[in-house]
Amino acid sequence: MRRVYMYLRLLAAALVFPAIVVYIAVATLIHPILAFRTRISLRLWMSVADWVKGIPVGYSYWEQYEAPTMLDEIAVHHDE
């Protein structure tokens, strides 16, 4: 009985594994395309790129999109 149970589990894993691989491949290919449509996806994609490069996660997005406006705000408050 244990062998049957083990074979059924192996069969289930063998059947599900290709579906999981296809899902991950499709998600990986579609994500960069969607990243240019929404800011949240862009932020997530840039965070992944930061992680791959070994720099703090989210730094590239902050530097490119948030830092310029923050510096403008700091300059405005500094002038007052």
PDB file of N, CA and C in Angstrom:
ATOM      1  N   MET A   1       0.827  -1.195   0.000  1.00  0.00           N
ATOM      2  CA  MET A   1       0.000   0.000   0.000  1.00  0.00           C
ATOM      3  C   MET A   1       0.874   1.262   0.000  1.00  0.00           C
ATOM      4  N   ARG A   2       1.987   1.194   0.721  1.00  0.00           N
ATOM      5  CA  ARG A   2       2.861   2.368   0.756  1.00  0.00           C
ATOM      6  C   ARG A   2       3.468   2.636  -0.618  1.00  0.00           C
ATOM      7  N   ARG A   3       3.781   1.570  -1.349  1.00  0.00           N
ATOM      8  CA  ARG A   3       4.341   1.754  -2.680  1.00  0.00           C
ATOM      9  C   ARG A   3       3.329   2.396  -3.614  1.00  0.00           C
ATOM     10  N   VAL A   4       2.100   1.984  -3.536  1.00  0.00           N
ATOM     11  CA  VAL A   4       1.055   2.571  -4.380  1.00  0.00           C
ATOM     12  C   VAL A   4       0.920   4.057  -4.054  1.00  0.00           C
ATOM     13  N   TYR A   5       0.904   4.374  -2.777  1.00  0.00           N
ATOM     14  CA  TYR A   5       0.799   5.763  -2.353  1.00  0.00           C
ATOM     15  C   TYR A   5       1.992   6.577  -2.865  1.00  0.00           C
ATOM     16  N   MET A   6       3.196   6.005  -2.780  1.00  0.00           N
ATOM     17  CA  MET A   6       4.383   6.697  -3.256  1.00  0.00           C
ATOM     18  C   MET A   6       4.323   6.904  -4.776  1.00  0.00           C
ATOM     19  N   TYR A   7       3.904   5.883  -5.501  1.00  0.00           N
ATOM     20  CA  TYR A   7       3.792   6.010  -6.957  1.00  0.00           C
ATOM     21  C   TYR A   7       2.735   7.038  -7.352  1.00  0.00           C
ATOM     22  N   LEU A   8       1.637   7.093  -6.634  1.00  0.00           N
ATOM     23  CA  LEU A   8       0.605   8.097  -6.918  1.00  0.00           C
ATOM     24  C   LEU A   8       1.133   9.507  -6.672  1.00  0.00           C
ATOM     25  N   ARG A   9       1.904   9.681  -5.617  1.00  0.00           N
ATOM     26  CA  ARG A   9       2.494  10.995  -5.345  1.00  0.00           C
ATOM     27  C   ARG A   9       3.494  11.378  -6.424  1.00  0.00           C
ATOM     28  N   LEU A  10       4.321  10.424  -6.866  1.00  0.00           N
ATOM     29  CA  LEU A  10       5.273  10.700  -7.943  1.00  0.00           C
ATOM     30  C   LEU A  10       4.555  11.023  -9.242  1.00  0.00           C
ATOM     31  N   LEU A  11       3.485  10.310  -9.533  1.00  0.00           N
ATOM     32  CA  LEU A  11       2.698  10.583 -10.730  1.00  0.00           C
ATOM     33  C   LEU A  11       2.081  11.974 -10.668  1.00  0.00           C
ATOM     34  N   ALA A  12       1.538  12.343  -9.518  1.00  0.00           N
ATOM     35  CA  ALA A  12       0.946  13.675  -9.364  1.00  0.00           C
ATOM     36  C   ALA A  12       2.007  14.761  -9.543  1.00  0.00           C
ATOM     37  N   ALA A  13       3.177  14.552  -8.970  1.00  0.00           N
ATOM     38  CA  ALA A  13       4.259  15.533  -9.119  1.00  0.00           C
ATOM     39  C   ALA A  13       4.700  15.623 -10.575  1.00  0.00           C
ATOM     40  N   ALA A  14       4.792  14.468 -11.253  1.00  0.00           N
ATOM     41  CA  ALA A  14       5.209  14.469 -12.661  1.00  0.00           C
ATOM     42  C   ALA A  14       4.186  15.166 -13.550  1.00  0.00           C
ATOM     43  N   LEU A  15       2.920  15.076 -13.219  1.00  0.00           N
ATOM     44  CA  LEU A  15       1.880  15.728 -14.013  1.00  0.00           C
ATOM     45  C   LEU A  15       1.795  17.225 -13.738  1.00  0.00           C
ATOM     46  N   VAL A  16       2.029  17.628 -12.506  1.00  0.00           N
ATOM     47  CA  VAL A  16       1.895  19.033 -12.133  1.00  0.00           C
ATOM     48  C   VAL A  16       3.156  19.834 -12.450  1.00  0.00           C
ATOM     49  N   PHE A  17       4.303  19.224 -12.403  1.00  0.00           N
ATOM     50  CA  PHE A  17       5.567  19.932 -12.607  1.00  0.00           C
ATOM     51  C   PHE A  17       5.619  20.706 -13.931  1.00  0.00           C
ATOM     52  N   PRO A  18       5.238  20.116 -15.068  1.00  0.00           N
ATOM     53  CA  PRO A  18       5.267  20.894 -16.323  1.00  0.00           C
ATOM     54  C   PRO A  18       4.341  22.117 -16.279  1.00  0.00           C
ATOM     55  N   ALA A  19       3.205  21.983 -15.629  1.00  0.00           N
ATOM     56  CA  ALA A  19       2.283  23.117 -15.526  1.00  0.00           C
ATOM     57  C   ALA A  19       2.907  24.246 -14.706  1.00  0.00           C
ATOM     58  N   ILE A  20       3.593  23.901 -13.654  1.00  0.00           N
ATOM     59  CA  ILE A  20       4.261  24.907 -12.820  1.00  0.00           C
ATOM     60  C   ILE A  20       5.361  25.601 -13.614  1.00  0.00           C
ATOM     61  N   VAL A  21       6.137  24.834 -14.363  1.00  0.00           N
ATOM     62  CA  VAL A  21       7.220  25.411 -15.161  1.00  0.00           C
ATOM     63  C   VAL A  21       6.661  26.349 -16.234  1.00  0.00           C
ATOM     64  N   VAL A  22       5.585  25.940 -16.891  1.00  0.00           N
ATOM     65  CA  VAL A  22       4.962  26.792 -17.922  1.00  0.00           C
ATOM     66  C   VAL A  22       4.427  28.074 -17.286  1.00  0.00           C
ATOM     67  N   TYR A  23       3.788  27.960 -16.130  1.00  0.00           N
ATOM     68  CA  TYR A  23       3.255  29.143 -15.442  1.00  0.00           C
ATOM     69  C   TYR A  23       4.378  30.127 -15.103  1.00  0.00           C
ATOM     70  N   ILE A  24       5.477  29.631 -14.560  1.00  0.00           N
ATOM     71  CA  ILE A  24       6.602  30.505 -14.205  1.00  0.00           C
ATOM     72  C   ILE A  24       7.200  31.147 -15.451  1.00  0.00           C
ATOM     73  N   ALA A  25       7.321  30.379 -16.536  1.00  0.00           N
ATOM     74  CA  ALA A  25       7.881  30.924 -17.779  1.00  0.00           C
ATOM     75  C   ALA A  25       6.987  32.017 -18.350  1.00  0.00           C
ATOM     76  N   VAL A  26       5.686  31.790 -18.377  1.00  0.00           N
ATOM     77  CA  VAL A  26       4.754  32.796 -18.907  1.00  0.00           C
ATOM     78  C   VAL A  26       4.766  34.040 -18.021  1.00  0.00           C
ATOM     79  N   ALA A  27       4.740  33.865 -16.721  1.00  0.00           N
ATOM     80  CA  ALA A  27       4.770  35.018 -15.810  1.00  0.00           C
ATOM     81  C   ALA A  27       6.056  35.814 -15.976  1.00  0.00           C
ATOM     82  N   THR A  28       7.166  35.117 -16.166  1.00  0.00           N
ATOM     83  CA  THR A  28       8.453  35.796 -16.343  1.00  0.00           C
ATOM     84  C   THR A  28       8.494  36.569 -17.655  1.00  0.00           C
ATOM     85  N   LEU A  29       7.915  36.036 -18.700  1.00  0.00           N
ATOM     86  CA  LEU A  29       7.925  36.711 -19.995  1.00  0.00           C
ATOM     87  C   LEU A  29       6.933  37.870 -20.059  1.00  0.00           C
ATOM     88  N   ILE A  30       5.800  37.729 -19.399  1.00  0.00           N
ATOM     89  CA  ILE A  30       4.769  38.773 -19.461  1.00  0.00           C
ATOM     90  C   ILE A  30       5.091  39.935 -18.527  1.00  0.00           C
ATOM     91  N   HIS A  31       5.762  39.666 -17.423  1.00  0.00           N
ATOM     92  CA  HIS A  31       5.997  40.705 -16.428  1.00  0.00           C
ATOM     93  C   HIS A  31       6.724  41.938 -16.978  1.00  0.00           C
ATOM     94  N   PRO A  32       7.817  41.800 -17.745  1.00  0.00           N
ATOM     95  CA  PRO A  32       8.477  43.008 -18.267  1.00  0.00           C
ATOM     96  C   PRO A  32       7.584  43.813 -19.211  1.00  0.00           C
ATOM     97  N   ILE A  33       6.734  43.138 -19.943  1.00  0.00           N
ATOM     98  CA  ILE A  33       5.814  43.838 -20.848  1.00  0.00           C
ATOM     99  C   ILE A  33       4.830  44.675 -20.042  1.00  0.00           C
ATOM    100  N   LEU A  34       4.291  44.092 -18.989  1.00  0.00           N
ATOM    101  CA  LEU A  34       3.339  44.818 -18.149  1.00  0.00           C
ATOM    102  C   LEU A  34       4.016  45.879 -17.287  1.00  0.00           C
ATOM    103  N   ALA A  35       5.303  45.745 -17.093  1.00  0.00           N
ATOM    104  CA  ALA A  35       6.027  46.694 -16.241  1.00  0.00           C
ATOM    105  C   ALA A  35       5.989  48.099 -16.814  1.00  0.00           C
ATOM    106  N   PHE A  36       5.905  48.218 -18.116  1.00  0.00           N
ATOM    107  CA  PHE A  36       5.892  49.531 -18.727  1.00  0.00           C
ATOM    108  C   PHE A  36       4.505  50.163 -18.726  1.00  0.00           C
ATOM    109  N   ARG A  37       3.495  49.406 -18.374  1.00  0.00           N
ATOM    110  CA  ARG A  37       2.123  49.941 -18.345  1.00  0.00           C
ATOM    111  C   ARG A  37       1.736  50.487 -16.981  1.00  0.00           C
ATOM    112  N   THR A  38       2.231  49.874 -15.923  1.00  0.00           N
ATOM    113  CA  THR A  38       1.875  50.323 -14.573  1.00  0.00           C
ATOM    114  C   THR A  38       3.119  50.597 -13.764  1.00  0.00           C
ATOM    115  N   ARG A  39       3.033  51.553 -12.877  1.00  0.00           N
ATOM    116  CA  ARG A  39       4.184  51.930 -12.047  1.00  0.00           C
ATOM    117  C   ARG A  39       4.516  50.849 -11.027  1.00  0.00           C
ATOM    118  N   ILE A  40       3.497  50.146 -10.495  1.00  0.00           N
ATOM    119  CA  ILE A  40       3.753  49.132  -9.470  1.00  0.00           C
ATOM    120  C   ILE A  40       4.573  47.996 -10.065  1.00  0.00           C
ATOM    121  N   SER A  41       4.203  47.554 -11.264  1.00  0.00           N
ATOM    122  CA  SER A  41       4.960  46.486 -11.904  1.00  0.00           C
ATOM    123  C   SER A  41       6.376  46.952 -12.225  1.00  0.00           C
ATOM    124  N   LEU A  42       6.495  48.202 -12.657  1.00  0.00           N
ATOM    125  CA  LEU A  42       7.808  48.745 -12.951  1.00  0.00           C
ATOM    126  C   LEU A  42       8.667  48.759 -11.696  1.00  0.00           C
ATOM    127  N   ARG A  43       8.080  49.164 -10.595  1.00  0.00           N
ATOM    128  CA  ARG A  43       8.811  49.207  -9.328  1.00  0.00           C
ATOM    129  C   ARG A  43       9.267  47.813  -8.917  1.00  0.00           C
ATOM    130  N   LEU A  44       8.379  46.835  -9.066  1.00  0.00           N
ATOM    131  CA  LEU A  44       8.718  45.461  -8.718  1.00  0.00           C
ATOM    132  C   LEU A  44       9.826  44.932  -9.622  1.00  0.00           C
ATOM    133  N   TRP A  45       9.722  45.192 -10.922  1.00  0.00           N
ATOM    134  CA  TRP A  45      10.722  44.714 -11.867  1.00  0.00           C
ATOM    135  C   TRP A  45      12.086  45.352 -11.590  1.00  0.00           C
ATOM    136  N   MET A  46      12.101  46.646 -11.275  1.00  0.00           N
ATOM    137  CA  MET A  46      13.365  47.319 -10.970  1.00  0.00           C
ATOM    138  C   MET A  46      13.949  46.796  -9.656  1.00  0.00           C
ATOM    139  N   SER A  47      13.093  46.420  -8.711  1.00  0.00           N
ATOM    140  CA  SER A  47      13.580  45.840  -7.466  1.00  0.00           C
ATOM    141  C   SER A  47      14.243  44.493  -7.716  1.00  0.00           C
ATOM    142  N   VAL A  48      13.673  43.699  -8.618  1.00  0.00           N
ATOM    143  CA  VAL A  48      14.293  42.422  -8.975  1.00  0.00           C
ATOM    144  C   VAL A  48      15.645  42.673  -9.633  1.00  0.00           C
ATOM    145  N   ALA A  49      15.700  43.667 -10.525  1.00  0.00           N
ATOM    146  CA  ALA A  49      16.969  44.003 -11.181  1.00  0.00           C
ATOM    147  C   ALA A  49      17.996  44.466 -10.147  1.00  0.00           C
ATOM    148  N   ASP A  50      17.564  45.244  -9.157  1.00  0.00           N
ATOM    149  CA  ASP A  50      18.475  45.675  -8.084  1.00  0.00           C
ATOM    150  C   ASP A  50      19.005  44.476  -7.313  1.00  0.00           C
ATOM    151  N   TRP A  51      18.110  43.534  -7.004  1.00  0.00           N
ATOM    152  CA  TRP A  51      18.517  42.350  -6.257  1.00  0.00           C
ATOM    153  C   TRP A  51      19.556  41.553  -7.048  1.00  0.00           C
ATOM    154  N   VAL A  52      19.348  41.426  -8.356  1.00  0.00           N
ATOM    155  CA  VAL A  52      20.297  40.692  -9.198  1.00  0.00           C
ATOM    156  C   VAL A  52      21.646  41.412  -9.229  1.00  0.00           C
ATOM    157  N   LYS A  53      21.621  42.747  -9.283  1.00  0.00           N
ATOM    158  CA  LYS A  53      22.864  43.519  -9.330  1.00  0.00           C
ATOM    159  C   LYS A  53      23.573  43.560  -7.975  1.00  0.00           C
ATOM    160  N   GLY A  54      22.852  43.262  -6.905  1.00  0.00           N
ATOM    161  CA  GLY A  54      23.462  43.260  -5.582  1.00  0.00           C
ATOM    162  C   GLY A  54      23.407  44.599  -4.885  1.00  0.00           C
ATOM    163  N   ILE A  55      22.541  45.508  -5.347  1.00  0.00           N
ATOM    164  CA  ILE A  55      22.387  46.795  -4.671  1.00  0.00           C
ATOM    165  C   ILE A  55      21.096  46.750  -3.851  1.00  0.00           C
ATOM    166  N   PRO A  56      20.893  47.684  -2.931  1.00  0.00           N
ATOM    167  CA  PRO A  56      19.689  47.646  -2.102  1.00  0.00           C
ATOM    168  C   PRO A  56      18.417  47.611  -2.950  1.00  0.00           C
ATOM    169  N   VAL A  57      17.508  46.724  -2.585  1.00  0.00           N
ATOM    170  CA  VAL A  57      16.275  46.536  -3.353  1.00  0.00           C
ATOM    171  C   VAL A  57      15.455  47.823  -3.330  1.00  0.00           C
ATOM    172  N   GLY A  58      15.020  48.251  -4.501  1.00  0.00           N
ATOM    173  CA  GLY A  58      14.210  49.454  -4.638  1.00  0.00           C
ATOM    174  C   GLY A  58      15.024  50.714  -4.858  1.00  0.00           C
ATOM    175  N   TYR A  59      16.336  50.626  -4.802  1.00  0.00           N
ATOM    176  CA  TYR A  59      17.162  51.832  -4.913  1.00  0.00           C
ATOM    177  C   TYR A  59      17.066  52.463  -6.296  1.00  0.00           C
ATOM    178  N   SER A  60      17.102  51.673  -7.346  1.00  0.00           N
ATOM    179  CA  SER A  60      17.053  52.228  -8.705  1.00  0.00           C
ATOM    180  C   SER A  60      15.758  52.981  -8.944  1.00  0.00           C
ATOM    181  N   TYR A  61      14.632  52.402  -8.503  1.00  0.00           N
ATOM    182  CA  TYR A  61      13.337  53.061  -8.677  1.00  0.00           C
ATOM    183  C   TYR A  61      13.318  54.372  -7.897  1.00  0.00           C
ATOM    184  N   TRP A  62      13.785  54.332  -6.656  1.00  0.00           N
ATOM    185  CA  TRP A  62      13.795  55.537  -5.833  1.00  0.00           C
ATOM    186  C   TRP A  62      14.661  56.613  -6.478  1.00  0.00           C
ATOM    187  N   GLU A  63      15.847  56.222  -6.933  1.00  0.00           N
ATOM    188  CA  GLU A  63      16.783  57.180  -7.513  1.00  0.00           C
ATOM    189  C   GLU A  63      16.220  57.818  -8.784  1.00  0.00           C
ATOM    190  N   GLN A  64      15.526  57.022  -9.582  1.00  0.00           N
ATOM    191  CA  GLN A  64      15.042  57.525 -10.872  1.00  0.00           C
ATOM    192  C   GLN A  64      13.729  58.287 -10.755  1.00  0.00           C
ATOM    193  N   TYR A  65      12.809  57.824  -9.890  1.00  0.00           N
ATOM    194  CA  TYR A  65      11.464  58.408  -9.887  1.00  0.00           C
ATOM    195  C   TYR A  65      11.133  59.224  -8.641  1.00  0.00           C
ATOM    196  N   GLU A  66      11.635  58.829  -7.487  1.00  0.00           N
ATOM    197  CA  GLU A  66      11.233  59.515  -6.261  1.00  0.00           C
ATOM    198  C   GLU A  66      12.251  60.552  -5.788  1.00  0.00           C
ATOM    199  N   ALA A  67      13.521  60.283  -5.974  1.00  0.00           N
ATOM    200  CA  ALA A  67      14.549  61.199  -5.478  1.00  0.00           C
ATOM    201  C   ALA A  67      14.456  62.590  -6.098  1.00  0.00           C
ATOM    202  N   PRO A  68      14.233  62.728  -7.427  1.00  0.00           N
ATOM    203  CA  PRO A  68      14.161  64.087  -7.990  1.00  0.00           C
ATOM    204  C   PRO A  68      13.055  64.934  -7.368  1.00  0.00           C
ATOM    205  N   THR A  69      11.876  64.333  -7.141  1.00  0.00           N
ATOM    206  CA  THR A  69      10.795  65.111  -6.528  1.00  0.00           C
ATOM    207  C   THR A  69      11.103  65.415  -5.068  1.00  0.00           C
ATOM    208  N   MET A  70      11.725  64.484  -4.376  1.00  0.00           N
ATOM    209  CA  MET A  70      12.092  64.742  -2.984  1.00  0.00           C
ATOM    210  C   MET A  70      13.130  65.860  -2.899  1.00  0.00           C
ATOM    211  N   LEU A  71      14.077  65.862  -3.813  1.00  0.00           N
ATOM    212  CA  LEU A  71      15.088  66.925  -3.814  1.00  0.00           C
ATOM    213  C   LEU A  71      14.456  68.276  -4.125  1.00  0.00           C
ATOM    214  N   ASP A  72      13.460  68.283  -5.017  1.00  0.00           N
ATOM    215  CA  ASP A  72      12.744  69.529  -5.300  1.00  0.00           C
ATOM    216  C   ASP A  72      12.023  70.030  -4.057  1.00  0.00           C
ATOM    217  N   GLU A  73      11.393  69.107  -3.321  1.00  0.00           N
ATOM    218  CA  GLU A  73      10.689  69.492  -2.102  1.00  0.00           C
ATOM    219  C   GLU A  73      11.670  70.021  -1.057  1.00  0.00           C
ATOM    220  N   ILE A  74      12.815  69.384  -0.939  1.00  0.00           N
ATOM    221  CA  ILE A  74      13.817  69.838   0.021  1.00  0.00           C
ATOM    222  C   ILE A  74      14.311  71.230  -0.353  1.00  0.00           C
ATOM    223  N   ALA A  75      14.514  71.468  -1.643  1.00  0.00           N
ATOM    224  CA  ALA A  75      14.986  72.786  -2.098  1.00  0.00           C
ATOM    225  C   ALA A  75      13.929  73.841  -1.803  1.00  0.00           C
ATOM    226  N   VAL A  76      12.670  73.512  -2.024  1.00  0.00           N
ATOM    227  CA  VAL A  76      11.590  74.471  -1.771  1.00  0.00           C
ATOM    228  C   VAL A  76      11.528  74.796  -0.284  1.00  0.00           C
ATOM    229  N   HIS A  77      11.586  73.789   0.577  1.00  0.00           N
ATOM    230  CA  HIS A  77      11.520  74.034   2.020  1.00  0.00           C
ATOM    231  C   HIS A  77      12.783  74.778   2.499  1.00  0.00           C
ATOM    232  N   HIS A  78      13.887  74.513   1.867  1.00  0.00           N
ATOM    233  CA  HIS A  78      15.124  75.172   2.264  1.00  0.00           C
ATOM    234  C   HIS A  78      15.067  76.667   1.946  1.00  0.00           C
ATOM    235  N   ASP A  79      14.412  77.026   0.845  1.00  0.00           N
ATOM    236  CA  ASP A  79      14.311  78.432   0.469  1.00  0.00           C
ATOM    237  C   ASP A  79      13.404  79.202   1.425  1.00  0.00           C
ATOM    238  N   GLU A  80      12.459  78.547   2.026  1.00  0.00           N
ATOM    239  CA  GLU A  80      11.552  79.249   2.952  1.00  0.00           C
ATOM    240  C   GLU A  80      12.330  79.579   4.177  1.00  0.00           C
TER     241      GLU A  80
END
